[in-house]
Amino acid sequence: MVYCLPSAPHHIVGIMTTYHEGLDHNPHDIDDAGHRPVAVRGGTGLGTASLVLGICSIAAGWLVVAPLIGLVLGMKSRHREPLARGRSLWGIILNGACLTVWIVLGLIMLAAIIFGAINK
């Protein structure tokens, strides 16, 4: 994804992470519409937070809240932060695994309580 601005200042165009299709990767080129390619600036905070919450959830055995927050942050990061796709993917995987384990354990405990009450 590339954002182009009409007559972008030269100092913004100097460092680019992605280029507009059709240009030969020269920051001084201008496309047919008179736009210069501009670097896509994006943070990686949401993806990093999702990964950290996923690792901490697995390591510390955190309950439902932290993995749920990490899962939401990871999903938001997949759409907003192209530079953090790997971190957000691993955050989604780790938080999803932790959340799945807690849901399965909760269902097993609930079944044990219900079957224990029925057998009395």
PDB file of N, CA and C in Angstrom:
ATOM      1  N   MET A   1       0.851  -1.161   0.000  1.00  0.00           N
ATOM      2  CA  MET A   1       0.000   0.000   0.000  1.00  0.00           C
ATOM      3  C   MET A   1       0.899   1.226   0.000  1.00  0.00           C
ATOM      4  N   VAL A   2       0.618   2.146  -0.875  1.00  0.00           N
ATOM      5  CA  VAL A   2       1.419   3.345  -0.994  1.00  0.00           C
ATOM      6  C   VAL A   2       0.505   4.542  -0.947  1.00  0.00           C
ATOM      7  N   TYR A   3       0.896   5.525  -0.199  1.00  0.00           N
ATOM      8  CA  TYR A   3       0.164   6.769  -0.158  1.00  0.00           C
ATOM      9  C   TYR A   3       0.943   7.801  -0.966  1.00  0.00           C
ATOM     10  N   CYS A   4       0.273   8.470  -1.882  1.00  0.00           N
ATOM     11  CA  CYS A   4       0.930   9.484  -2.690  1.00  0.00           C
ATOM     12  C   CYS A   4       0.305  10.831  -2.390  1.00  0.00           C
ATOM     13  N   LEU A   5       1.123  11.818  -2.256  1.00  0.00           N
ATOM     14  CA  LEU A   5       0.662  13.178  -2.027  1.00  0.00           C
ATOM     15  C   LEU A   5       1.077  14.042  -3.205  1.00  0.00           C
ATOM     16  N   PRO A   6       0.221  14.944  -3.643  1.00  0.00           N
ATOM     17  CA  PRO A   6       0.626  15.824  -4.728  1.00  0.00           C
ATOM     18  C   PRO A   6       1.773  16.720  -4.274  1.00  0.00           C
ATOM     19  N   SER A   7       2.761  16.785  -5.087  1.00  0.00           N
ATOM     20  CA  SER A   7       3.957  17.614  -4.847  1.00  0.00           C
ATOM     21  C   SER A   7       4.455  17.507  -3.409  1.00  0.00           C
ATOM     22  N   ALA A   8       4.756  16.295  -2.991  1.00  0.00           N
ATOM     23  CA  ALA A   8       5.273  16.065  -1.647  1.00  0.00           C
ATOM     24  C   ALA A   8       6.643  16.707  -1.508  1.00  0.00           C
ATOM     25  N   PRO A   9       6.956  17.258  -0.342  1.00  0.00           N
ATOM     26  CA  PRO A   9       8.277  17.846  -0.145  1.00  0.00           C
ATOM     27  C   PRO A   9       9.382  16.823  -0.361  1.00  0.00           C
ATOM     28  N   HIS A  10      10.485  17.270  -0.885  1.00  0.00           N
ATOM     29  CA  HIS A  10      11.592  16.383  -1.237  1.00  0.00           C
ATOM     30  C   HIS A  10      12.127  15.610  -0.028  1.00  0.00           C
ATOM     31  N   HIS A  11      12.179  16.225   1.147  1.00  0.00           N
ATOM     32  CA  HIS A  11      12.744  15.540   2.306  1.00  0.00           C
ATOM     33  C   HIS A  11      11.866  14.388   2.791  1.00  0.00           C
ATOM     34  N   ILE A  12      10.557  14.420   2.513  1.00  0.00           N
ATOM     35  CA  ILE A  12       9.687  13.312   2.905  1.00  0.00           C
ATOM     36  C   ILE A  12       9.903  12.134   1.964  1.00  0.00           C
ATOM     37  N   VAL A  13      10.177  12.400   0.707  1.00  0.00           N
ATOM     38  CA  VAL A  13      10.301  11.367  -0.294  1.00  0.00           C
ATOM     39  C   VAL A  13      11.641  10.652  -0.205  1.00  0.00           C
ATOM     40  N   GLY A  14      12.625  11.236   0.453  1.00  0.00           N
ATOM     41  CA  GLY A  14      13.973  10.695   0.473  1.00  0.00           C
ATOM     42  C   GLY A  14      14.084   9.286   1.016  1.00  0.00           C
ATOM     43  N   ILE A  15      13.353   8.946   2.056  1.00  0.00           N
ATOM     44  CA  ILE A  15      13.424   7.613   2.658  1.00  0.00           C
ATOM     45  C   ILE A  15      12.081   6.939   2.426  1.00  0.00           C
ATOM     46  N   MET A  16      12.105   5.864   1.645  1.00  0.00           N
ATOM     47  CA  MET A  16      10.857   5.185   1.319  1.00  0.00           C
ATOM     48  C   MET A  16      10.927   3.717   1.702  1.00  0.00           C
ATOM     49  N   THR A  17       9.819   3.224   2.191  1.00  0.00           N
ATOM     50  CA  THR A  17       9.746   1.798   2.495  1.00  0.00           C
ATOM     51  C   THR A  17       8.999   1.042   1.402  1.00  0.00           C
ATOM     52  N   THR A  18       8.094   1.701   0.708  1.00  0.00           N
ATOM     53  CA  THR A  18       7.399   1.084  -0.408  1.00  0.00           C
ATOM     54  C   THR A  18       7.313   2.097  -1.537  1.00  0.00           C
ATOM     55  N   TYR A  19       7.109   1.623  -2.739  1.00  0.00           N
ATOM     56  CA  TYR A  19       7.087   2.489  -3.897  1.00  0.00           C
ATOM     57  C   TYR A  19       5.806   2.284  -4.671  1.00  0.00           C
ATOM     58  N   HIS A  20       5.410   3.315  -5.367  1.00  0.00           N
ATOM     59  CA  HIS A  20       4.232   3.252  -6.223  1.00  0.00           C
ATOM     60  C   HIS A  20       4.553   2.382  -7.433  1.00  0.00           C
ATOM     61  N   GLU A  21       3.615   1.550  -7.852  1.00  0.00           N
ATOM     62  CA  GLU A  21       3.843   0.697  -9.008  1.00  0.00           C
ATOM     63  C   GLU A  21       4.064   1.553 -10.245  1.00  0.00           C
ATOM     64  N   GLY A  22       4.935   1.112 -11.106  1.00  0.00           N
ATOM     65  CA  GLY A  22       5.194   1.830 -12.335  1.00  0.00           C
ATOM     66  C   GLY A  22       6.390   2.757 -12.244  1.00  0.00           C
ATOM     67  N   LEU A  23       6.859   3.027 -11.073  1.00  0.00           N
ATOM     68  CA  LEU A  23       8.035   3.868 -10.904  1.00  0.00           C
ATOM     69  C   LEU A  23       9.255   2.978 -10.776  1.00  0.00           C
ATOM     70  N   ASP A  24      10.376   3.454 -11.213  1.00  0.00           N
ATOM     71  CA  ASP A  24      11.577   2.621 -11.184  1.00  0.00           C
ATOM     72  C   ASP A  24      12.380   2.841  -9.901  1.00  0.00           C
ATOM     73  N   HIS A  25      11.699   3.018  -8.796  1.00  0.00           N
ATOM     74  CA  HIS A  25      12.301   3.121  -7.468  1.00  0.00           C
ATOM     75  C   HIS A  25      13.252   4.302  -7.343  1.00  0.00           C
ATOM     76  N   ASN A  26      12.976   5.362  -8.039  1.00  0.00           N
ATOM     77  CA  ASN A  26      13.740   6.589  -7.911  1.00  0.00           C
ATOM     78  C   ASN A  26      12.861   7.583  -7.173  1.00  0.00           C
ATOM     79  N   PRO A  27      13.284   8.082  -6.026  1.00  0.00           N
ATOM     80  CA  PRO A  27      12.428   8.970  -5.243  1.00  0.00           C
ATOM     81  C   PRO A  27      12.114  10.285  -5.944  1.00  0.00           C
ATOM     82  N   HIS A  28      12.799  10.591  -7.025  1.00  0.00           N
ATOM     83  CA  HIS A  28      12.545  11.839  -7.723  1.00  0.00           C
ATOM     84  C   HIS A  28      11.505  11.687  -8.821  1.00  0.00           C
ATOM     85  N   ASP A  29      11.063  10.439  -9.098  1.00  0.00           N
ATOM     86  CA  ASP A  29      10.071  10.201 -10.139  1.00  0.00           C
ATOM     87  C   ASP A  29       8.705  10.705  -9.720  1.00  0.00           C
ATOM     88  N   ILE A  30       7.931  11.063 -10.706  1.00  0.00           N
ATOM     89  CA  ILE A  30       6.562  11.507 -10.491  1.00  0.00           C
ATOM     90  C   ILE A  30       5.684  10.664 -11.396  1.00  0.00           C
ATOM     91  N   ASP A  31       4.570  10.151 -10.867  1.00  0.00           N
ATOM     92  CA  ASP A  31       3.698   9.318 -11.693  1.00  0.00           C
ATOM     93  C   ASP A  31       2.843  10.187 -12.617  1.00  0.00           C
ATOM     94  N   ASP A  32       1.939   9.555 -13.363  1.00  0.00           N
ATOM     95  CA  ASP A  32       1.135  10.267 -14.363  1.00  0.00           C
ATOM     96  C   ASP A  32       0.237  11.339 -13.750  1.00  0.00           C
ATOM     97  N   ALA A  33      -0.181  11.133 -12.522  1.00  0.00           N
ATOM     98  CA  ALA A  33      -1.072  12.092 -11.872  1.00  0.00           C
ATOM     99  C   ALA A  33      -0.313  13.222 -11.195  1.00  0.00           C
ATOM    100  N   GLY A  34       1.011  13.227 -11.281  1.00  0.00           N
ATOM    101  CA  GLY A  34       1.796  14.285 -10.659  1.00  0.00           C
ATOM    102  C   GLY A  34       2.081  14.049  -9.192  1.00  0.00           C
ATOM    103  N   HIS A  35       2.015  12.806  -8.745  1.00  0.00           N
ATOM    104  CA  HIS A  35       2.258  12.469  -7.343  1.00  0.00           C
ATOM    105  C   HIS A  35       3.634  11.850  -7.184  1.00  0.00           C
ATOM    106  N   ARG A  36       4.227  12.123  -6.071  1.00  0.00           N
ATOM    107  CA  ARG A  36       5.482  11.470  -5.710  1.00  0.00           C
ATOM    108  C   ARG A  36       5.192  10.401  -4.670  1.00  0.00           C
ATOM    109  N   PRO A  37       5.903   9.276  -4.739  1.00  0.00           N
ATOM    110  CA  PRO A  37       5.688   8.244  -3.712  1.00  0.00           C
ATOM    111  C   PRO A  37       6.205   8.715  -2.370  1.00  0.00           C
ATOM    112  N   VAL A  38       5.456   8.420  -1.335  1.00  0.00           N
ATOM    113  CA  VAL A  38       5.809   8.839   0.016  1.00  0.00           C
ATOM    114  C   VAL A  38       5.923   7.596   0.886  1.00  0.00           C
ATOM    115  N   ALA A  39       6.852   7.599   1.794  1.00  0.00           N
ATOM    116  CA  ALA A  39       7.050   6.464   2.687  1.00  0.00           C
ATOM    117  C   ALA A  39       5.795   6.205   3.509  1.00  0.00           C
ATOM    118  N   VAL A  40       5.499   4.941   3.680  1.00  0.00           N
ATOM    119  CA  VAL A  40       4.392   4.551   4.532  1.00  0.00           C
ATOM    120  C   VAL A  40       4.937   4.461   5.944  1.00  0.00           C
ATOM    121  N   ARG A  41       4.492   5.334   6.771  1.00  0.00           N
ATOM    122  CA  ARG A  41       4.954   5.329   8.152  1.00  0.00           C
ATOM    123  C   ARG A  41       3.894   4.636   8.998  1.00  0.00           C
ATOM    124  N   GLY A  42       4.320   3.687   9.745  1.00  0.00           N
ATOM    125  CA  GLY A  42       3.379   2.990  10.590  1.00  0.00           C
ATOM    126  C   GLY A  42       4.088   2.458  11.818  1.00  0.00           C
ATOM    127  N   GLY A  43       3.421   2.553  12.920  1.00  0.00           N
ATOM    128  CA  GLY A  43       3.987   2.031  14.137  1.00  0.00           C
ATOM    129  C   GLY A  43       3.787   0.529  14.220  1.00  0.00           C
ATOM    130  N   THR A  44       4.374  -0.043  15.210  1.00  0.00           N
ATOM    131  CA  THR A  44       4.221  -1.477  15.431  1.00  0.00           C
ATOM    132  C   THR A  44       3.776  -1.746  16.867  1.00  0.00           C
ATOM    133  N   GLY A  45       3.193  -0.749  17.496  1.00  0.00           N
ATOM    134  CA  GLY A  45       2.818  -0.861  18.904  1.00  0.00           C
ATOM    135  C   GLY A  45       1.759  -1.904  19.190  1.00  0.00           C
ATOM    136  N   LEU A  46       0.713  -1.954  18.360  1.00  0.00           N
ATOM    137  CA  LEU A  46      -0.359  -2.919  18.610  1.00  0.00           C
ATOM    138  C   LEU A  46       0.128  -4.352  18.425  1.00  0.00           C
ATOM    139  N   GLY A  47       0.910  -4.582  17.364  1.00  0.00           N
ATOM    140  CA  GLY A  47       1.438  -5.924  17.121  1.00  0.00           C
ATOM    141  C   GLY A  47       2.386  -6.377  18.217  1.00  0.00           C
ATOM    142  N   THR A  48       3.240  -5.449  18.664  1.00  0.00           N
ATOM    143  CA  THR A  48       4.182  -5.767  19.736  1.00  0.00           C
ATOM    144  C   THR A  48       3.436  -6.039  21.042  1.00  0.00           C
ATOM    145  N   ALA A  49       2.431  -5.226  21.337  1.00  0.00           N
ATOM    146  CA  ALA A  49       1.647  -5.437  22.562  1.00  0.00           C
ATOM    147  C   ALA A  49       0.926  -6.780  22.519  1.00  0.00           C
ATOM    148  N   SER A  50       0.405  -7.139  21.356  1.00  0.00           N
ATOM    149  CA  SER A  50      -0.277  -8.426  21.218  1.00  0.00           C
ATOM    150  C   SER A  50       0.688  -9.583  21.451  1.00  0.00           C
ATOM    151  N   LEU A  51       1.886  -9.479  20.877  1.00  0.00           N
ATOM    152  CA  LEU A  51       2.887 -10.539  21.062  1.00  0.00           C
ATOM    153  C   LEU A  51       3.317 -10.642  22.519  1.00  0.00           C
ATOM    154  N   VAL A  52       3.562  -9.518  23.163  1.00  0.00           N
ATOM    155  CA  VAL A  52       3.981  -9.525  24.577  1.00  0.00           C
ATOM    156  C   VAL A  52       2.878 -10.118  25.457  1.00  0.00           C
ATOM    157  N   LEU A  53       1.633  -9.718  25.217  1.00  0.00           N
ATOM    158  CA  LEU A  53       0.523 -10.289  25.998  1.00  0.00           C
ATOM    159  C   LEU A  53       0.382 -11.780  25.751  1.00  0.00           C
ATOM    160  N   GLY A  54       0.627 -12.225  24.524  1.00  0.00           N
ATOM    161  CA  GLY A  54       0.561 -13.653  24.220  1.00  0.00           C
ATOM    162  C   GLY A  54       1.628 -14.440  24.948  1.00  0.00           C
ATOM    163  N   ILE A  55       2.855 -13.924  24.940  1.00  0.00           N
ATOM    164  CA  ILE A  55       3.957 -14.604  25.641  1.00  0.00           C
ATOM    165  C   ILE A  55       3.698 -14.621  27.144  1.00  0.00           C
ATOM    166  N   CYS A  56       3.279 -13.491  27.694  1.00  0.00           N
ATOM    167  CA  CYS A  56       3.011 -13.433  29.136  1.00  0.00           C
ATOM    168  C   CYS A  56       1.819 -14.304  29.520  1.00  0.00           C
ATOM    169  N   SER A  57       0.817 -14.369  28.664  1.00  0.00           N
ATOM    170  CA  SER A  57      -0.353 -15.204  28.958  1.00  0.00           C
ATOM    171  C   SER A  57       0.022 -16.674  29.025  1.00  0.00           C
ATOM    172  N   ILE A  58       0.879 -17.109  28.098  1.00  0.00           N
ATOM    173  CA  ILE A  58       1.327 -18.502  28.105  1.00  0.00           C
ATOM    174  C   ILE A  58       2.250 -18.756  29.297  1.00  0.00           C
ATOM    175  N   ALA A  59       3.217 -17.871  29.499  1.00  0.00           N
ATOM    176  CA  ALA A  59       4.224 -18.084  30.551  1.00  0.00           C
ATOM    177  C   ALA A  59       3.644 -17.946  31.952  1.00  0.00           C
ATOM    178  N   ALA A  60       2.791 -16.945  32.164  1.00  0.00           N
ATOM    179  CA  ALA A  60       2.280 -16.686  33.505  1.00  0.00           C
ATOM    180  C   ALA A  60       0.925 -17.330  33.752  1.00  0.00           C
ATOM    181  N   GLY A  61       0.305 -17.872  32.710  1.00  0.00           N
ATOM    182  CA  GLY A  61      -0.993 -18.514  32.898  1.00  0.00           C
ATOM    183  C   GLY A  61      -2.098 -17.526  33.200  1.00  0.00           C
ATOM    184  N   TRP A  62      -2.012 -16.346  32.598  1.00  0.00           N
ATOM    185  CA  TRP A  62      -3.043 -15.338  32.836  1.00  0.00           C
ATOM    186  C   TRP A  62      -4.390 -15.829  32.369  1.00  0.00           C
ATOM    187  N   LEU A  63      -5.412 -15.349  33.037  1.00  0.00           N
ATOM    188  CA  LEU A  63      -6.768 -15.790  32.728  1.00  0.00           C
ATOM    189  C   LEU A  63      -7.298 -15.133  31.460  1.00  0.00           C
ATOM    190  N   VAL A  64      -8.562 -15.046  31.327  1.00  0.00           N
ATOM    191  CA  VAL A  64      -9.235 -14.693  30.082  1.00  0.00           C
ATOM    192  C   VAL A  64      -8.981 -13.248  29.634  1.00  0.00           C
ATOM    193  N   VAL A  65      -8.828 -12.308  30.530  1.00  0.00           N
ATOM    194  CA  VAL A  65      -8.790 -10.899  30.161  1.00  0.00           C
ATOM    195  C   VAL A  65      -7.568 -10.558  29.305  1.00  0.00           C
ATOM    196  N   ALA A  66      -6.381 -10.914  29.735  1.00  0.00           N
ATOM    197  CA  ALA A  66      -5.164 -10.561  28.991  1.00  0.00           C
ATOM    198  C   ALA A  66      -5.119 -11.225  27.612  1.00  0.00           C
ATOM    199  N   PRO A  67      -5.415 -12.518  27.468  1.00  0.00           N
ATOM    200  CA  PRO A  67      -5.429 -13.096  26.123  1.00  0.00           C
ATOM    201  C   PRO A  67      -6.501 -12.491  25.216  1.00  0.00           C
ATOM    202  N   LEU A  68      -7.625 -12.116  25.791  1.00  0.00           N
ATOM    203  CA  LEU A  68      -8.686 -11.503  24.998  1.00  0.00           C
ATOM    204  C   LEU A  68      -8.246 -10.133  24.482  1.00  0.00           C
ATOM    205  N   ILE A  69      -7.616  -9.343  25.335  1.00  0.00           N
ATOM    206  CA  ILE A  69      -7.089  -8.036  24.918  1.00  0.00           C
ATOM    207  C   ILE A  69      -5.999  -8.226  23.862  1.00  0.00           C
ATOM    208  N   GLY A  70      -5.111  -9.190  24.084  1.00  0.00           N
ATOM    209  CA  GLY A  70      -4.054  -9.461  23.119  1.00  0.00           C
ATOM    210  C   GLY A  70      -4.591  -9.916  21.777  1.00  0.00           C
ATOM    211  N   LEU A  71      -5.663 -10.691  21.792  1.00  0.00           N
ATOM    212  CA  LEU A  71      -6.287 -11.147  20.555  1.00  0.00           C
ATOM    213  C   LEU A  71      -6.889  -9.970  19.780  1.00  0.00           C
ATOM    214  N   VAL A  72      -7.560  -9.078  20.484  1.00  0.00           N
ATOM    215  CA  VAL A  72      -8.147  -7.899  19.844  1.00  0.00           C
ATOM    216  C   VAL A  72      -7.046  -6.993  19.279  1.00  0.00           C
ATOM    217  N   LEU A  73      -5.982  -6.766  20.053  1.00  0.00           N
ATOM    218  CA  LEU A  73      -4.881  -5.928  19.574  1.00  0.00           C
ATOM    219  C   LEU A  73      -4.210  -6.542  18.351  1.00  0.00           C
ATOM    220  N   GLY A  74      -4.042  -7.848  18.353  1.00  0.00           N
ATOM    221  CA  GLY A  74      -3.437  -8.524  17.214  1.00  0.00           C
ATOM    222  C   GLY A  74      -4.282  -8.397  15.954  1.00  0.00           C
ATOM    223  N   MET A  75      -5.587  -8.523  16.105  1.00  0.00           N
ATOM    224  CA  MET A  75      -6.463  -8.396  14.945  1.00  0.00           C
ATOM    225  C   MET A  75      -6.479  -6.963  14.413  1.00  0.00           C
ATOM    226  N   LYS A  76      -6.471  -5.991  15.308  1.00  0.00           N
ATOM    227  CA  LYS A  76      -6.400  -4.597  14.859  1.00  0.00           C
ATOM    228  C   LYS A  76      -5.075  -4.314  14.170  1.00  0.00           C
ATOM    229  N   SER A  77      -4.004  -4.873  14.694  1.00  0.00           N
ATOM    230  CA  SER A  77      -2.682  -4.645  14.125  1.00  0.00           C
ATOM    231  C   SER A  77      -2.560  -5.237  12.730  1.00  0.00           C
ATOM    232  N   ARG A  78      -3.204  -6.355  12.469  1.00  0.00           N
ATOM    233  CA  ARG A  78      -3.129  -6.977  11.140  1.00  0.00           C
ATOM    234  C   ARG A  78      -3.649  -6.036  10.065  1.00  0.00           C
ATOM    235  N   HIS A  79      -4.612  -5.190  10.408  1.00  0.00           N
ATOM    236  CA  HIS A  79      -5.197  -4.297   9.420  1.00  0.00           C
ATOM    237  C   HIS A  79      -4.531  -2.921   9.395  1.00  0.00           C
ATOM    238  N   ARG A  80      -3.983  -2.487  10.514  1.00  0.00           N
ATOM    239  CA  ARG A  80      -3.460  -1.122  10.613  1.00  0.00           C
ATOM    240  C   ARG A  80      -1.951  -1.002  10.453  1.00  0.00           C
ATOM    241  N   GLU A  81      -1.215  -2.029  10.802  1.00  0.00           N
ATOM    242  CA  GLU A  81       0.243  -1.926  10.849  1.00  0.00           C
ATOM    243  C   GLU A  81       0.902  -2.947   9.922  1.00  0.00           C
ATOM    244  N   PRO A  82       1.210  -2.549   8.702  1.00  0.00           N
ATOM    245  CA  PRO A  82       1.808  -3.506   7.770  1.00  0.00           C
ATOM    246  C   PRO A  82       3.208  -3.964   8.184  1.00  0.00           C
ATOM    247  N   LEU A  83       3.896  -3.185   8.974  1.00  0.00           N
ATOM    248  CA  LEU A  83       5.244  -3.555   9.404  1.00  0.00           C
ATOM    249  C   LEU A  83       5.245  -4.548  10.560  1.00  0.00           C
ATOM    250  N   ALA A  84       4.098  -4.771  11.188  1.00  0.00           N
ATOM    251  CA  ALA A  84       4.033  -5.654  12.361  1.00  0.00           C
ATOM    252  C   ALA A  84       3.183  -6.886  12.107  1.00  0.00           C
ATOM    253  N   ARG A  85       3.060  -7.305  10.860  1.00  0.00           N
ATOM    254  CA  ARG A  85       2.198  -8.453  10.552  1.00  0.00           C
ATOM    255  C   ARG A  85       2.678  -9.737  11.211  1.00  0.00           C
ATOM    256  N   GLY A  86       3.971  -9.954  11.260  1.00  0.00           N
ATOM    257  CA  GLY A  86       4.504 -11.162  11.889  1.00  0.00           C
ATOM    258  C   GLY A  86       4.257 -11.187  13.381  1.00  0.00           C
ATOM    259  N   ARG A  87       4.521 -10.052  14.022  1.00  0.00           N
ATOM    260  CA  ARG A  87       4.286  -9.968  15.469  1.00  0.00           C
ATOM    261  C   ARG A  87       2.811 -10.122  15.801  1.00  0.00           C
ATOM    262  N   SER A  88       1.960  -9.491  15.003  1.00  0.00           N
ATOM    263  CA  SER A  88       0.534  -9.592  15.295  1.00  0.00           C
ATOM    264  C   SER A  88       0.023 -11.014  15.044  1.00  0.00           C
ATOM    265  N   LEU A  89       0.559 -11.681  14.011  1.00  0.00           N
ATOM    266  CA  LEU A  89       0.161 -13.070  13.761  1.00  0.00           C
ATOM    267  C   LEU A  89       0.535 -13.968  14.931  1.00  0.00           C
ATOM    268  N   TRP A  90       1.754 -13.830  15.418  1.00  0.00           N
ATOM    269  CA  TRP A  90       2.170 -14.646  16.572  1.00  0.00           C
ATOM    270  C   TRP A  90       1.399 -14.261  17.826  1.00  0.00           C
ATOM    271  N   GLY A  91       1.068 -12.992  17.980  1.00  0.00           N
ATOM    272  CA  GLY A  91       0.237 -12.578  19.102  1.00  0.00           C
ATOM    273  C   GLY A  91      -1.142 -13.210  19.039  1.00  0.00           C
ATOM    274  N   ILE A  92      -1.726 -13.245  17.835  1.00  0.00           N
ATOM    275  CA  ILE A  92      -3.039 -13.877  17.661  1.00  0.00           C
ATOM    276  C   ILE A  92      -2.958 -15.367  17.965  1.00  0.00           C
ATOM    277  N   ILE A  93      -1.909 -16.022  17.476  1.00  0.00           N
ATOM    278  CA  ILE A  93      -1.754 -17.467  17.707  1.00  0.00           C
ATOM    279  C   ILE A  93      -1.587 -17.765  19.199  1.00  0.00           C
ATOM    280  N   LEU A  94      -0.678 -17.055  19.872  1.00  0.00           N
ATOM    281  CA  LEU A  94      -0.421 -17.321  21.296  1.00  0.00           C
ATOM    282  C   LEU A  94      -1.626 -16.987  22.160  1.00  0.00           C
ATOM    283  N   ASN A  95      -2.242 -15.824  21.917  1.00  0.00           N
ATOM    284  CA  ASN A  95      -3.414 -15.446  22.713  1.00  0.00           C
ATOM    285  C   ASN A  95      -4.587 -16.364  22.433  1.00  0.00           C
ATOM    286  N   GLY A  96      -4.761 -16.763  21.176  1.00  0.00           N
ATOM    287  CA  GLY A  96      -5.835 -17.700  20.844  1.00  0.00           C
ATOM    288  C   GLY A  96      -5.630 -19.051  21.503  1.00  0.00           C
ATOM    289  N   ALA A  97      -4.377 -19.529  21.523  1.00  0.00           N
ATOM    290  CA  ALA A  97      -4.087 -20.815  22.170  1.00  0.00           C
ATOM    291  C   ALA A  97      -4.359 -20.743  23.670  1.00  0.00           C
ATOM    292  N   CYS A  98      -3.918 -19.665  24.294  1.00  0.00           N
ATOM    293  CA  CYS A  98      -4.138 -19.512  25.741  1.00  0.00           C
ATOM    294  C   CYS A  98      -5.629 -19.406  26.048  1.00  0.00           C
ATOM    295  N   LEU A  99      -6.331 -18.634  25.235  1.00  0.00           N
ATOM    296  CA  LEU A  99      -7.773 -18.488  25.443  1.00  0.00           C
ATOM    297  C   LEU A  99      -8.498 -19.817  25.234  1.00  0.00           C
ATOM    298  N   THR A 100      -8.084 -20.575  24.233  1.00  0.00           N
ATOM    299  CA  THR A 100      -8.685 -21.884  23.970  1.00  0.00           C
ATOM    300  C   THR A 100      -8.461 -22.840  25.141  1.00  0.00           C
ATOM    301  N   VAL A 101      -7.244 -22.847  25.674  1.00  0.00           N
ATOM    302  CA  VAL A 101      -6.944 -23.716  26.828  1.00  0.00           C
ATOM    303  C   VAL A 101      -7.829 -23.357  28.010  1.00  0.00           C
ATOM    304  N   TRP A 102      -7.982 -22.053  28.302  1.00  0.00           N
ATOM    305  CA  TRP A 102      -8.801 -21.645  29.432  1.00  0.00           C
ATOM    306  C   TRP A 102     -10.277 -21.970  29.205  1.00  0.00           C
ATOM    307  N   ILE A 103     -10.752 -21.838  27.985  1.00  0.00           N
ATOM    308  CA  ILE A 103     -12.153 -22.173  27.701  1.00  0.00           C
ATOM    309  C   ILE A 103     -12.382 -23.677  27.862  1.00  0.00           C
ATOM    310  N   VAL A 104     -11.465 -24.487  27.342  1.00  0.00           N
ATOM    311  CA  VAL A 104     -11.594 -25.946  27.478  1.00  0.00           C
ATOM    312  C   VAL A 104     -11.537 -26.353  28.952  1.00  0.00           C
ATOM    313  N   LEU A 105     -10.592 -25.797  29.705  1.00  0.00           N
ATOM    314  CA  LEU A 105     -10.513 -26.109  31.140  1.00  0.00           C
ATOM    315  C   LEU A 105     -11.774 -25.671  31.881  1.00  0.00           C
ATOM    316  N   GLY A 106     -12.315 -24.515  31.517  1.00  0.00           N
ATOM    317  CA  GLY A 106     -13.554 -24.043  32.136  1.00  0.00           C
ATOM    318  C   GLY A 106     -14.723 -24.964  31.843  1.00  0.00           C
ATOM    319  N   LEU A 107     -14.801 -25.449  30.600  1.00  0.00           N
ATOM    320  CA  LEU A 107     -15.874 -26.379  30.243  1.00  0.00           C
ATOM    321  C   LEU A 107     -15.719 -27.716  30.961  1.00  0.00           C
ATOM    322  N   ILE A 108     -14.489 -28.191  31.113  1.00  0.00           N
ATOM    323  CA  ILE A 108     -14.251 -29.439  31.851  1.00  0.00           C
ATOM    324  C   ILE A 108     -14.647 -29.280  33.314  1.00  0.00           C
ATOM    325  N   MET A 109     -14.297 -28.161  33.914  1.00  0.00           N
ATOM    326  CA  MET A 109     -14.666 -27.921  35.318  1.00  0.00           C
ATOM    327  C   MET A 109     -16.177 -27.805  35.469  1.00  0.00           C
ATOM    328  N   LEU A 110     -16.819 -27.120  34.529  1.00  0.00           N
ATOM    329  CA  LEU A 110     -18.275 -26.983  34.574  1.00  0.00           C
ATOM    330  C   LEU A 110     -18.949 -28.341  34.420  1.00  0.00           C
ATOM    331  N   ALA A 111     -18.441 -29.163  33.504  1.00  0.00           N
ATOM    332  CA  ALA A 111     -18.999 -30.503  33.326  1.00  0.00           C
ATOM    333  C   ALA A 111     -18.797 -31.349  34.581  1.00  0.00           C
ATOM    334  N   ALA A 112     -17.647 -31.228  35.223  1.00  0.00           N
ATOM    335  CA  ALA A 112     -17.391 -31.981  36.452  1.00  0.00           C
ATOM    336  C   ALA A 112     -18.338 -31.552  37.564  1.00  0.00           C
ATOM    337  N   ILE A 113     -18.606 -30.265  37.645  1.00  0.00           N
ATOM    338  CA  ILE A 113     -19.526 -29.771  38.677  1.00  0.00           C
ATOM    339  C   ILE A 113     -20.942 -30.267  38.400  1.00  0.00           C
ATOM    340  N   ILE A 114     -21.355 -30.180  37.140  1.00  0.00           N
ATOM    341  CA  ILE A 114     -22.731 -30.604  36.795  1.00  0.00           C
ATOM    342  C   ILE A 114     -22.882 -32.111  36.990  1.00  0.00           C
ATOM    343  N   PHE A 115     -21.939 -32.914  36.511  1.00  0.00           N
ATOM    344  CA  PHE A 115     -22.039 -34.364  36.662  1.00  0.00           C
ATOM    345  C   PHE A 115     -21.858 -34.781  38.117  1.00  0.00           C
ATOM    346  N   GLY A 116     -21.087 -34.038  38.881  1.00  0.00           N
ATOM    347  CA  GLY A 116     -20.927 -34.333  40.303  1.00  0.00           C
ATOM    348  C   GLY A 116     -22.223 -34.075  41.048  1.00  0.00           C
ATOM    349  N   ALA A 117     -22.929 -33.016  40.662  1.00  0.00           N
ATOM    350  CA  ALA A 117     -24.209 -32.708  41.314  1.00  0.00           C
ATOM    351  C   ALA A 117     -25.300 -33.691  40.911  1.00  0.00           C
ATOM    352  N   ILE A 118     -25.242 -34.206  39.704  1.00  0.00           N
ATOM    353  CA  ILE A 118     -26.253 -35.152  39.224  1.00  0.00           C
ATOM    354  C   ILE A 118     -26.065 -36.506  39.901  1.00  0.00           C
ATOM    355  N   ASN A 119     -24.831 -36.931  40.104  1.00  0.00           N
ATOM    356  CA  ASN A 119     -24.549 -38.248  40.680  1.00  0.00           C
ATOM    357  C   ASN A 119     -24.780 -38.318  42.174  1.00  0.00           C
ATOM    358  N   LYS A 120     -25.024 -37.216  42.841  1.00  0.00           N
ATOM    359  CA  LYS A 120     -25.244 -37.252  44.291  1.00  0.00           C
ATOM    360  C   LYS A 120     -26.567 -37.784  44.649  1.00  0.00           C
TER     361      LYS A 120
END
